N, C-alpha and C. Protein backbone atom coordinates (compact mmCIF):
# COMPACT_ATOMS: atom_id res chain seq x y z
N UNK A 1 45.81 -33.27 -3.70
CA UNK A 1 45.32 -32.27 -2.78
C UNK A 1 44.08 -31.63 -3.39
N UNK A 2 43.03 -31.52 -2.61
CA UNK A 2 41.80 -30.90 -3.12
C UNK A 2 41.93 -29.39 -3.12
N UNK A 3 41.01 -28.75 -3.86
CA UNK A 3 41.02 -27.29 -3.93
C UNK A 3 40.83 -26.70 -2.53
N UNK A 4 39.98 -27.30 -1.74
CA UNK A 4 39.73 -26.80 -0.39
C UNK A 4 40.99 -26.85 0.46
N UNK A 5 41.83 -27.88 0.26
CA UNK A 5 43.05 -28.01 1.04
C UNK A 5 44.11 -27.00 0.60
N UNK A 6 44.08 -26.60 -0.68
CA UNK A 6 45.11 -25.71 -1.17
C UNK A 6 44.88 -24.25 -0.79
N UNK A 7 43.66 -23.90 -0.41
CA UNK A 7 43.34 -22.53 0.01
C UNK A 7 42.42 -22.59 1.23
N UNK A 8 42.73 -21.77 2.22
CA UNK A 8 41.88 -21.73 3.40
C UNK A 8 40.51 -21.19 3.06
N UNK A 9 40.46 -20.14 2.25
CA UNK A 9 39.17 -19.57 1.85
C UNK A 9 39.36 -18.75 0.58
N UNK A 10 38.27 -18.61 -0.16
CA UNK A 10 38.33 -17.80 -1.37
C UNK A 10 38.58 -16.34 -1.04
N UNK A 11 38.16 -15.90 0.13
CA UNK A 11 38.37 -14.52 0.53
C UNK A 11 39.86 -14.16 0.55
N UNK A 12 40.70 -15.14 0.84
CA UNK A 12 42.14 -14.89 0.88
C UNK A 12 42.72 -14.63 -0.51
N UNK A 13 41.98 -15.01 -1.54
CA UNK A 13 42.45 -14.83 -2.91
C UNK A 13 42.10 -13.46 -3.48
N UNK A 14 41.26 -12.70 -2.78
CA UNK A 14 40.80 -11.41 -3.28
C UNK A 14 41.82 -10.33 -2.92
N UNK A 15 42.23 -9.56 -3.91
CA UNK A 15 43.12 -8.43 -3.68
C UNK A 15 42.41 -7.17 -4.13
N UNK A 16 42.20 -6.24 -3.22
CA UNK A 16 41.55 -4.98 -3.56
C UNK A 16 42.62 -4.01 -4.05
N UNK A 17 42.30 -3.28 -5.10
CA UNK A 17 43.23 -2.31 -5.66
C UNK A 17 42.56 -0.94 -5.69
N UNK A 18 43.38 0.09 -5.74
CA UNK A 18 42.84 1.45 -5.80
C UNK A 18 42.17 1.67 -7.15
N UNK A 19 41.12 2.48 -7.17
CA UNK A 19 40.47 2.83 -8.44
C UNK A 19 41.47 3.57 -9.32
N UNK A 20 41.38 3.29 -10.62
CA UNK A 20 42.26 3.97 -11.56
C UNK A 20 41.67 5.34 -11.89
N UNK A 21 42.49 6.38 -11.92
CA UNK A 21 41.98 7.72 -12.23
C UNK A 21 41.28 7.74 -13.58
N UNK A 22 40.15 8.42 -13.65
CA UNK A 22 39.43 8.57 -14.90
C UNK A 22 38.44 7.46 -15.19
N UNK A 23 38.36 6.45 -14.35
CA UNK A 23 37.43 5.36 -14.59
C UNK A 23 36.13 5.61 -13.82
N UNK A 24 35.04 5.24 -14.46
CA UNK A 24 33.74 5.40 -13.83
C UNK A 24 33.63 4.52 -12.59
N UNK A 25 32.89 5.00 -11.63
CA UNK A 25 32.62 4.18 -10.45
C UNK A 25 31.50 3.19 -10.75
N UNK A 26 30.74 3.45 -11.80
CA UNK A 26 29.60 2.61 -12.12
C UNK A 26 29.46 2.54 -13.64
N UNK A 27 29.26 1.35 -14.16
CA UNK A 27 29.03 1.16 -15.59
C UNK A 27 27.59 0.73 -15.77
N UNK A 28 26.88 1.35 -16.70
CA UNK A 28 25.47 1.03 -16.90
C UNK A 28 25.09 1.27 -18.35
N UNK A 29 24.06 0.56 -18.79
CA UNK A 29 23.49 0.80 -20.12
C UNK A 29 21.99 0.96 -19.96
N UNK A 30 21.39 1.58 -20.93
CA UNK A 30 19.94 1.70 -20.98
C UNK A 30 19.45 0.71 -22.02
N UNK A 31 18.86 -0.38 -21.58
CA UNK A 31 18.41 -1.43 -22.50
C UNK A 31 16.95 -1.29 -22.87
N UNK A 32 16.36 -0.12 -22.61
CA UNK A 32 14.92 0.04 -22.86
C UNK A 32 14.57 -0.09 -24.35
N UNK A 33 15.45 0.36 -25.25
CA UNK A 33 15.14 0.29 -26.68
C UNK A 33 15.04 -1.16 -27.16
N UNK A 34 16.01 -1.97 -26.79
CA UNK A 34 15.96 -3.37 -27.22
C UNK A 34 14.79 -4.11 -26.56
N UNK A 35 14.48 -3.75 -25.33
CA UNK A 35 13.35 -4.36 -24.64
C UNK A 35 12.04 -3.92 -25.30
N UNK A 36 11.89 -2.61 -25.53
CA UNK A 36 10.63 -2.08 -26.07
C UNK A 36 10.41 -2.46 -27.53
N UNK A 37 11.46 -2.42 -28.36
CA UNK A 37 11.29 -2.66 -29.79
C UNK A 37 11.38 -4.13 -30.18
N UNK A 38 12.15 -4.91 -29.43
CA UNK A 38 12.33 -6.31 -29.79
C UNK A 38 11.76 -7.28 -28.76
N UNK A 39 11.35 -6.75 -27.62
CA UNK A 39 10.82 -7.62 -26.57
C UNK A 39 11.89 -8.47 -25.89
N UNK A 40 13.15 -8.05 -26.01
CA UNK A 40 14.25 -8.82 -25.43
C UNK A 40 14.49 -8.39 -23.99
N UNK A 41 14.80 -9.36 -23.15
CA UNK A 41 15.22 -9.08 -21.78
C UNK A 41 16.28 -10.10 -21.40
N UNK A 42 17.28 -9.70 -20.63
CA UNK A 42 18.32 -10.66 -20.25
C UNK A 42 17.74 -11.77 -19.36
N UNK A 43 18.29 -12.96 -19.50
CA UNK A 43 17.84 -14.09 -18.67
C UNK A 43 18.45 -14.05 -17.28
N UNK A 44 19.55 -13.32 -17.15
CA UNK A 44 20.27 -13.23 -15.88
C UNK A 44 20.36 -11.78 -15.44
N UNK A 45 20.29 -11.57 -14.13
CA UNK A 45 20.63 -10.25 -13.62
C UNK A 45 22.12 -10.30 -13.25
N UNK A 46 22.68 -9.20 -12.80
CA UNK A 46 24.10 -9.15 -12.51
C UNK A 46 24.50 -10.22 -11.49
N UNK A 47 23.75 -10.33 -10.40
CA UNK A 47 24.12 -11.26 -9.33
C UNK A 47 24.10 -12.71 -9.81
N UNK A 48 23.04 -13.12 -10.49
CA UNK A 48 22.97 -14.52 -10.94
C UNK A 48 24.01 -14.79 -12.02
N UNK A 49 24.24 -13.84 -12.92
CA UNK A 49 25.26 -14.01 -13.95
C UNK A 49 26.65 -14.09 -13.36
N UNK A 50 26.92 -13.27 -12.36
CA UNK A 50 28.22 -13.28 -11.71
C UNK A 50 28.44 -14.61 -11.00
N UNK A 51 27.42 -15.08 -10.27
CA UNK A 51 27.52 -16.37 -9.59
C UNK A 51 27.80 -17.51 -10.57
N UNK A 52 27.08 -17.52 -11.69
CA UNK A 52 27.27 -18.57 -12.69
C UNK A 52 28.66 -18.49 -13.32
N UNK A 53 29.17 -17.28 -13.53
CA UNK A 53 30.50 -17.12 -14.09
C UNK A 53 31.56 -17.66 -13.13
N UNK A 54 31.47 -17.28 -11.87
CA UNK A 54 32.44 -17.76 -10.86
C UNK A 54 32.34 -19.27 -10.75
N UNK A 55 31.13 -19.81 -10.72
CA UNK A 55 30.96 -21.26 -10.63
C UNK A 55 31.60 -21.97 -11.82
N UNK A 56 31.46 -21.40 -13.03
CA UNK A 56 32.06 -22.00 -14.22
C UNK A 56 33.58 -22.08 -14.06
N UNK A 57 34.18 -20.98 -13.61
CA UNK A 57 35.63 -20.98 -13.43
C UNK A 57 36.06 -21.97 -12.37
N UNK A 58 35.29 -22.13 -11.30
CA UNK A 58 35.62 -23.11 -10.27
C UNK A 58 35.53 -24.54 -10.82
N UNK A 59 34.57 -24.79 -11.70
CA UNK A 59 34.37 -26.13 -12.25
C UNK A 59 35.30 -26.43 -13.43
N UNK A 60 35.95 -25.43 -13.98
CA UNK A 60 36.82 -25.61 -15.14
C UNK A 60 38.24 -25.12 -14.86
N UNK A 61 38.71 -25.47 -13.70
CA UNK A 61 40.03 -25.03 -13.26
C UNK A 61 41.13 -25.40 -14.25
N UNK A 62 41.06 -26.61 -14.84
CA UNK A 62 42.10 -27.05 -15.78
C UNK A 62 42.20 -26.12 -16.98
N UNK A 63 41.10 -25.50 -17.36
CA UNK A 63 41.09 -24.58 -18.51
C UNK A 63 41.92 -23.34 -18.21
N UNK A 64 41.63 -22.67 -17.07
CA UNK A 64 42.37 -21.44 -16.81
C UNK A 64 43.76 -21.69 -16.25
N UNK A 65 44.00 -22.82 -15.59
CA UNK A 65 45.36 -23.11 -15.13
C UNK A 65 46.29 -23.30 -16.33
N UNK A 66 45.79 -23.89 -17.41
CA UNK A 66 46.56 -24.08 -18.64
C UNK A 66 47.00 -22.73 -19.20
N UNK A 67 46.13 -21.75 -19.12
CA UNK A 67 46.45 -20.41 -19.62
C UNK A 67 47.45 -19.71 -18.70
N UNK A 68 47.20 -19.75 -17.39
CA UNK A 68 48.08 -19.07 -16.44
C UNK A 68 49.47 -19.69 -16.35
N UNK A 69 49.57 -20.98 -16.63
CA UNK A 69 50.86 -21.66 -16.53
C UNK A 69 51.84 -21.23 -17.62
N UNK A 70 51.31 -20.64 -18.70
CA UNK A 70 52.15 -20.27 -19.82
C UNK A 70 52.19 -21.34 -20.89
N UNK A 71 51.56 -22.51 -20.63
CA UNK A 71 51.52 -23.59 -21.62
C UNK A 71 50.71 -23.20 -22.84
N UNK A 72 49.66 -22.43 -22.64
CA UNK A 72 48.80 -22.04 -23.75
C UNK A 72 49.52 -20.97 -24.57
N UNK A 73 49.71 -21.24 -25.85
CA UNK A 73 50.43 -20.32 -26.74
C UNK A 73 49.53 -19.85 -27.89
N UNK A 74 48.29 -19.54 -27.57
CA UNK A 74 47.31 -19.03 -28.52
C UNK A 74 46.91 -20.04 -29.59
N UNK A 75 47.21 -21.33 -29.36
CA UNK A 75 46.78 -22.33 -30.32
C UNK A 75 45.28 -22.56 -30.18
N UNK A 76 44.65 -23.02 -31.23
CA UNK A 76 43.22 -23.32 -31.18
C UNK A 76 43.04 -24.60 -30.39
N UNK A 77 42.15 -24.57 -29.43
CA UNK A 77 41.90 -25.73 -28.60
C UNK A 77 40.68 -26.47 -29.12
N UNK A 78 40.65 -27.79 -28.92
CA UNK A 78 39.49 -28.59 -29.29
C UNK A 78 39.45 -28.93 -30.77
N UNK A 79 40.50 -28.63 -31.50
CA UNK A 79 40.56 -28.92 -32.93
C UNK A 79 41.45 -30.14 -33.16
N UNK A 80 41.06 -31.01 -34.07
CA UNK A 80 41.87 -32.20 -34.39
C UNK A 80 42.86 -31.87 -35.48
């Protein structure tokens, strides 16, 4: 069964929850010092980084399914 067949839409997988008391509605940093003193700037903005993160998880389903199934027991992966 393909991923598309197992779920009608990704929207059905989203569960909205109430904000937790005491948590900020917005998280932000001021990166002007690193930009001004080191000339560093991020290669991704929030939207492109978020898209790439979601795409990675969609393309690596076997990785996170192994964790969610309970099979992963904190062992080091990829080691011989």
